[in-house]
Amino acid sequence: MTTPKIKIAIVGLGKIARDQHVPSLLTSDAFELTAVASPDDRLDGTPSFKDFESMLRTMPEIEAVALCTSPQVRYPLARFALQQLRHVLLEKPPGVTLGEVQALEELAERQGVTLLASWHSRFAPAVDPARAWLAARKISRVAITWKEDVRVWHPRQSWIWQAGGLGVFDPGINALSILTRIIPGAWVVKSAELSFPRNCETPIAARLELIGPSAAMSYVDLDFLQTGTQTWDIDVDTDAGRLALSLGASLMSIDGRPLDMPQSAEYPNLYAHFAALVRQGASDVDVSPLRLVADAFLCARRLTVAPFIE
């Protein structure tokens, strides 16, 4: 017997929703994209609403929502959805603060619905193979270089420069989500240096030193002003050689020797995971990447740099 698809709605129809969420849901075996809610945008061929609450009142058959809004407005929307007994997928970061995410996790448990903090980069093809390979190795050093052009990936998105928008940590937290997946255990921020443009409330570049399990060191270099070739690399030195992840963990090599990776994509894998959680009545709310960012803000040396001009 065929399992009925889960009726899902997208809330917030910005770049990430159109580029990733909509295509993944339209080809999903587990979900049916039923509606979207966005104050300024519509999706052709799909019921579109300007208001989230009116969408749920009009279409009570909606079982789950993917919240793709900017993080600053996500908490009240997630809280309302959980109170209405809808399963919730939170785009990354799952909240502006750790307290928001904890409150949502507790509410989801009380309501008996699924909550997913969706670290999409953990579903890149090389992440699980890297985790498996590293499990039997002694790790000495991790170097993370995550540099991209904000004007390409976040054009005219002012929210990213406002408090709660994370700035360069919006992409950088993807690297931290991979790090905490492939090398599980406690990671601690030893030092941080954050560069804030004079006209922005969030950093445009960051450098971190982290201490990980078994005293392994990780050095993190984040930059939002890289033009030309974009860099999303993680190199791990071990007693059995160097593991290298590139292109956001799409590719993996050992001592320069490329390995074959599964032919899969992050967001379809993410939605398959969400569907499995819904069917199991479970949640997945790991805040370890967000905690590292929060700790970096707490202990960082702050630099003021030139204003950012779009």
Protein backbone atom coordinates (compact mmCIF):
# COMPACT_ATOMS: atom_id res chain seq x y z
CA MET A 1 0.00 0.00 0.00
CA THR A 2 1.33 3.45 -0.95
CA THR A 3 2.06 5.77 1.98
CA PRO A 4 0.18 9.07 1.55
CA LYS A 5 2.36 12.08 0.97
CA ILE A 6 2.73 14.60 3.79
CA LYS A 7 1.06 17.89 2.89
CA ILE A 8 3.58 20.65 3.47
CA ALA A 9 3.68 24.43 3.05
CA ILE A 10 6.64 26.77 2.66
CA VAL A 11 6.68 29.96 4.70
CA GLY A 12 8.98 32.60 3.24
CA LEU A 13 9.59 32.51 -0.50
CA GLY A 14 13.04 34.02 -0.80
CA LYS A 15 16.14 32.85 -2.67
CA ILE A 16 16.82 29.70 -0.65
CA ALA A 17 13.18 28.61 -0.87
CA ARG A 18 13.04 29.04 -4.65
CA ASP A 19 16.51 27.61 -5.30
CA GLN A 20 16.34 24.58 -3.00
CA HIS A 21 13.11 23.93 -1.10
CA VAL A 22 10.61 24.26 -3.95
CA PRO A 23 12.51 21.99 -6.42
CA SER A 24 13.15 19.39 -3.71
CA LEU A 25 9.51 19.28 -2.67
CA LEU A 26 8.16 19.18 -6.22
CA THR A 27 10.18 16.01 -6.86
CA SER A 28 9.72 14.45 -3.39
CA ASP A 29 8.22 11.00 -2.92
CA ALA A 30 7.28 11.86 0.66
CA PHE A 31 5.88 15.41 0.50
CA GLU A 32 3.22 17.28 -1.45
CA LEU A 33 3.84 21.02 -1.71
CA THR A 34 0.36 22.29 -0.85
CA ALA A 35 0.77 26.05 -0.33
CA VAL A 36 3.20 28.90 0.27
CA ALA A 37 2.95 31.94 2.51
CA SER A 38 4.97 35.07 1.80
CA PRO A 39 3.94 38.73 2.12
CA ASP A 40 5.51 39.81 -1.15
CA ASP A 41 5.79 36.74 -3.39
CA ARG A 42 3.65 34.09 -5.05
CA LEU A 43 4.48 30.68 -6.48
CA ASP A 44 2.81 30.00 -9.83
CA GLY A 45 0.55 26.97 -9.76
CA THR A 46 0.50 26.74 -5.94
CA PRO A 47 -2.00 28.39 -3.55
CA SER A 48 -0.19 31.45 -2.23
CA PHE A 49 -1.02 33.49 0.86
CA LYS A 50 0.34 36.73 2.26
CA ASP A 51 -0.22 35.63 5.84
CA PHE A 52 0.84 32.38 7.54
CA GLU A 53 -2.07 32.19 9.97
CA SER A 54 -4.68 32.77 7.27
CA MET A 55 -3.04 30.03 5.20
CA LEU A 56 -3.49 27.49 8.01
CA ARG A 57 -7.09 28.61 8.62
CA THR A 58 -7.91 28.30 4.92
CA MET A 59 -6.07 25.02 4.38
CA PRO A 60 -6.34 22.95 7.59
CA GLU A 61 -5.14 19.88 5.68
CA ILE A 62 -1.55 21.20 5.84
CA GLU A 63 0.42 18.84 8.09
CA ALA A 64 3.91 20.37 8.04
CA VAL A 65 5.63 23.67 7.33
CA ALA A 66 9.14 24.58 6.19
CA LEU A 67 10.10 27.95 7.66
CA CYS A 68 12.40 29.72 5.20
CA THR A 69 12.02 33.25 6.52
CA SER A 70 14.88 35.33 7.85
CA PRO A 71 15.86 34.05 11.32
CA GLN A 72 14.77 37.24 13.09
CA VAL A 73 11.05 36.49 12.52
CA ARG A 74 11.10 32.71 12.63
CA TYR A 75 10.46 32.01 16.32
CA PRO A 76 6.85 33.28 16.58
CA LEU A 77 5.97 31.51 13.33
CA ALA A 78 7.46 28.23 14.53
CA ARG A 79 5.75 28.57 17.89
CA PHE A 80 2.37 29.17 16.24
CA ALA A 81 2.82 26.20 13.89
CA LEU A 82 3.71 23.86 16.74
CA GLN A 83 0.76 25.09 18.77
CA GLN A 84 -1.42 24.24 15.76
CA LEU A 85 0.02 20.70 15.77
CA ARG A 86 2.01 21.11 12.56
CA HIS A 87 5.42 19.49 12.06
CA VAL A 88 8.11 22.13 11.56
CA LEU A 89 11.35 22.26 9.57
CA LEU A 90 13.54 25.24 10.50
CA GLU A 91 15.95 26.53 7.86
CA LYS A 92 19.37 27.21 9.30
CA PRO A 93 20.12 28.81 11.65
CA PRO A 94 17.23 27.33 13.65
CA GLY A 95 16.86 30.50 15.71
CA VAL A 96 18.42 33.80 16.64
CA THR A 97 19.26 32.49 20.12
CA LEU A 98 19.79 29.16 21.82
CA GLY A 99 16.88 30.00 24.11
CA GLU A 100 14.48 30.23 21.16
CA VAL A 101 15.45 26.80 19.90
CA GLN A 102 15.22 25.21 23.34
CA ALA A 103 11.74 26.67 23.83
CA LEU A 104 10.61 25.31 20.46
CA GLU A 105 12.08 21.89 21.19
CA GLU A 106 10.20 21.70 24.50
CA LEU A 107 6.96 22.86 22.84
CA ALA A 108 7.27 20.27 20.05
CA GLU A 109 7.74 17.53 22.63
CA ARG A 110 4.67 18.66 24.60
CA GLN A 111 2.58 18.87 21.43
CA GLY A 112 3.76 15.50 20.11
CA VAL A 113 4.92 16.85 16.74
CA THR A 114 8.22 16.81 14.87
CA LEU A 115 10.76 19.64 14.94
CA LEU A 116 13.84 19.57 12.70
CA ALA A 117 16.75 21.98 12.95
CA SER A 118 17.80 21.49 9.36
CA TRP A 119 21.56 21.68 8.95
CA HIS A 120 21.38 21.05 5.22
CA SER A 121 25.15 20.86 4.73
CA ARG A 122 25.24 17.70 6.85
CA PHE A 123 23.41 16.00 3.99
CA ALA A 124 26.11 16.72 1.42
CA PRO A 125 27.39 13.51 -0.24
CA ALA A 126 30.80 13.35 1.48
CA VAL A 127 29.72 14.07 5.07
CA ASP A 128 28.78 10.58 6.22
CA PRO A 129 31.71 8.91 4.38
CA ALA A 130 34.04 11.40 6.09
CA ARG A 131 32.51 10.70 9.49
CA ALA A 132 32.95 6.95 8.98
CA TRP A 133 36.58 7.29 7.82
CA LEU A 134 37.52 9.60 10.69
CA ALA A 135 35.90 7.45 13.37
CA ALA A 136 38.93 5.13 13.54
CA ARG A 137 41.60 7.84 13.22
CA LYS A 138 43.41 10.11 15.65
CA ILE A 139 42.76 13.70 14.61
CA SER A 140 45.39 16.38 15.20
CA ARG A 141 44.25 19.43 13.25
CA VAL A 142 41.30 20.72 11.25
CA ALA A 143 41.51 23.70 8.88
CA ILE A 144 38.25 25.24 7.65
CA THR A 145 38.29 27.81 4.85
CA TRP A 146 34.83 29.07 3.97
CA LYS A 147 34.91 32.11 1.70
CA GLU A 148 32.19 33.31 -0.62
CA ASP A 149 30.79 36.42 -2.28
CA VAL A 150 27.84 37.80 -0.32
CA ARG A 151 26.73 39.82 -3.34
CA VAL A 152 26.22 36.58 -5.28
CA TRP A 153 24.66 34.41 -2.57
CA HIS A 154 22.71 37.04 -0.61
CA PRO A 155 21.96 39.86 -3.04
CA ARG A 156 20.07 42.80 -1.51
CA GLN A 157 19.27 40.83 1.66
CA SER A 158 19.62 43.48 4.33
CA TRP A 159 18.45 41.16 7.11
CA ILE A 160 21.81 39.38 7.06
CA TRP A 161 23.53 42.59 8.26
CA GLN A 162 21.00 43.23 11.04
CA ALA A 163 21.26 41.85 14.57
CA GLY A 164 20.34 38.17 14.50
CA GLY A 165 21.23 37.82 10.81
CA LEU A 166 24.66 36.31 11.62
CA GLY A 167 26.54 38.01 8.77
CA VAL A 168 29.39 35.78 7.58
CA PHE A 169 28.24 33.09 10.02
CA ASP A 170 25.15 32.52 7.87
CA PRO A 171 27.31 30.47 5.46
CA GLY A 172 29.99 29.81 8.07
CA ILE A 173 27.59 27.90 10.29
CA ASN A 174 27.31 25.37 7.45
CA ALA A 175 30.99 24.56 7.93
CA LEU A 176 30.50 24.26 11.68
CA SER A 177 27.55 21.94 11.13
CA ILE A 178 29.79 19.68 9.03
CA LEU A 179 32.60 19.82 11.58
CA THR A 180 30.36 18.80 14.47
CA ARG A 181 28.92 15.97 12.37
CA ILE A 182 32.13 14.42 11.07
CA ILE A 183 33.96 14.82 14.40
CA PRO A 184 31.32 14.42 17.11
CA GLY A 185 31.97 15.48 20.67
CA ALA A 186 32.55 18.70 22.54
CA TRP A 187 34.03 21.62 20.58
CA VAL A 188 35.01 24.75 22.50
CA VAL A 189 35.82 28.24 21.18
CA LYS A 190 39.36 29.09 22.31
CA SER A 191 39.54 32.48 20.59
CA ALA A 192 37.71 34.52 17.97
CA GLU A 193 38.24 37.65 15.92
CA LEU A 194 35.22 39.19 14.20
CA SER A 195 35.35 42.00 11.62
CA PHE A 196 32.30 44.30 11.59
CA PRO A 197 31.73 46.84 8.80
CA ARG A 198 31.03 50.28 10.25
CA ASN A 199 27.49 50.22 8.90
CA CYS A 200 26.56 46.64 9.88
CA GLU A 201 25.49 44.89 13.06
CA THR A 202 26.95 41.51 12.04
CA PRO A 203 30.47 40.48 10.96
CA ILE A 204 31.72 40.25 7.39
CA ALA A 205 34.72 38.06 8.29
CA ALA A 206 35.72 35.83 11.20
CA ARG A 207 38.64 33.79 12.44
CA LEU A 208 38.17 31.18 15.15
CA GLU A 209 40.31 28.73 17.06
CA LEU A 210 38.42 25.74 18.40
CA ILE A 211 39.49 22.95 20.74
CA GLY A 212 37.81 19.66 19.95
CA PRO A 213 37.65 16.10 21.21
CA SER A 214 41.01 14.69 22.32
CA ALA A 215 42.40 18.26 22.21
CA ALA A 216 42.29 18.43 18.40
CA MET A 217 42.59 22.01 17.15
CA SER A 218 40.45 23.58 14.47
CA TYR A 219 41.25 26.83 12.70
CA VAL A 220 38.31 28.52 10.98
CA ASP A 221 38.67 31.28 8.37
CA LEU A 222 35.42 32.85 7.14
CA ASP A 223 35.11 35.67 4.61
CA PHE A 224 32.08 37.18 2.86
CA LEU A 225 34.01 39.20 0.26
CA GLN A 226 35.65 36.50 -1.87
CA THR A 227 35.21 37.08 -5.58
CA GLY A 228 35.92 34.62 -8.37
CA THR A 229 36.28 31.00 -7.30
CA GLN A 230 34.39 30.32 -4.08
CA THR A 231 36.01 28.27 -1.31
CA TRP A 232 34.20 25.80 0.95
CA ASP A 233 36.98 23.49 2.19
CA ILE A 234 37.67 21.41 5.29
CA ASP A 235 41.04 19.66 5.72
CA VAL A 236 41.54 17.15 8.55
CA ASP A 237 45.03 15.94 9.51
CA THR A 238 45.08 12.47 11.08
CA ASP A 239 47.50 9.70 11.95
CA ALA A 240 46.46 7.99 8.71
CA GLY A 241 46.77 10.95 6.35
CA ARG A 242 44.84 14.06 5.37
CA LEU A 243 41.13 13.94 4.62
CA ALA A 244 39.97 16.83 2.46
CA LEU A 245 36.39 17.93 1.84
CA SER A 246 35.79 20.47 -0.91
CA LEU A 247 32.87 22.25 -2.55
CA GLY A 248 30.93 22.18 0.71
CA ALA A 249 31.58 18.46 1.29
CA SER A 250 30.44 17.47 -2.19
CA LEU A 251 33.88 15.95 -2.82
CA MET A 252 36.28 13.99 -0.60
CA SER A 253 39.89 12.92 -0.97
CA ILE A 254 42.51 11.16 1.15
CA ASP A 255 46.07 12.46 0.71
CA GLY A 256 45.01 13.98 -2.59
CA ARG A 257 43.37 10.82 -3.91
CA PRO A 258 39.72 11.53 -4.86
CA LEU A 259 37.11 9.05 -3.67
CA ASP A 260 33.82 8.25 -5.38
CA MET A 261 30.89 9.91 -3.59
CA PRO A 262 27.18 9.06 -3.72
CA GLN A 263 25.23 10.91 -6.37
CA SER A 264 22.87 12.79 -4.11
CA ALA A 265 21.88 16.34 -3.23
CA GLU A 266 21.60 18.08 0.13
CA TYR A 267 18.00 19.25 0.19
CA PRO A 268 16.35 16.09 -1.18
CA ASN A 269 18.33 14.16 1.47
CA LEU A 270 17.24 16.67 4.10
CA TYR A 271 13.58 16.24 3.23
CA ALA A 272 13.90 12.47 3.25
CA HIS A 273 15.23 12.79 6.80
CA PHE A 274 12.37 15.11 7.77
CA ALA A 275 9.83 12.65 6.38
CA ALA A 276 11.40 9.78 8.34
CA LEU A 277 11.23 11.83 11.55
CA VAL A 278 7.55 12.64 10.96
CA ARG A 279 6.74 8.98 10.35
CA GLN A 280 8.63 7.99 13.52
CA GLY A 281 7.15 10.75 15.67
CA ALA A 282 10.67 12.00 16.46
CA SER A 283 12.57 15.31 16.39
CA ASP A 284 16.14 16.29 15.55
CA VAL A 285 17.27 19.50 17.23
CA ASP A 286 21.05 19.73 17.47
CA VAL A 287 22.22 23.22 18.48
CA SER A 288 25.98 22.53 18.57
CA PRO A 289 26.77 24.65 15.45
CA LEU A 290 24.68 27.56 16.77
CA ARG A 291 26.33 27.27 20.20
CA LEU A 292 29.77 27.70 18.63
CA VAL A 293 28.59 30.86 16.86
CA ALA A 294 27.03 32.21 20.06
CA ASP A 295 30.23 31.51 22.00
CA ALA A 296 32.29 33.22 19.30
CA PHE A 297 30.20 36.38 19.69
CA LEU A 298 30.66 36.20 23.47
CA CYS A 299 34.45 35.92 23.53
CA ALA A 300 35.55 37.59 20.29
CA ARG A 301 37.93 40.45 19.80
CA ARG A 302 35.98 42.92 17.66
CA LEU A 303 37.48 44.79 14.71
CA THR A 304 35.81 47.64 12.84
CA VAL A 305 36.39 47.59 9.09
CA ALA A 306 35.26 49.54 6.03
CA PRO A 307 31.50 49.91 5.44
CA PHE A 308 29.80 47.29 3.30
CA ILE A 309 28.29 48.73 0.12
CA GLU A 310 25.98 46.43 -1.86
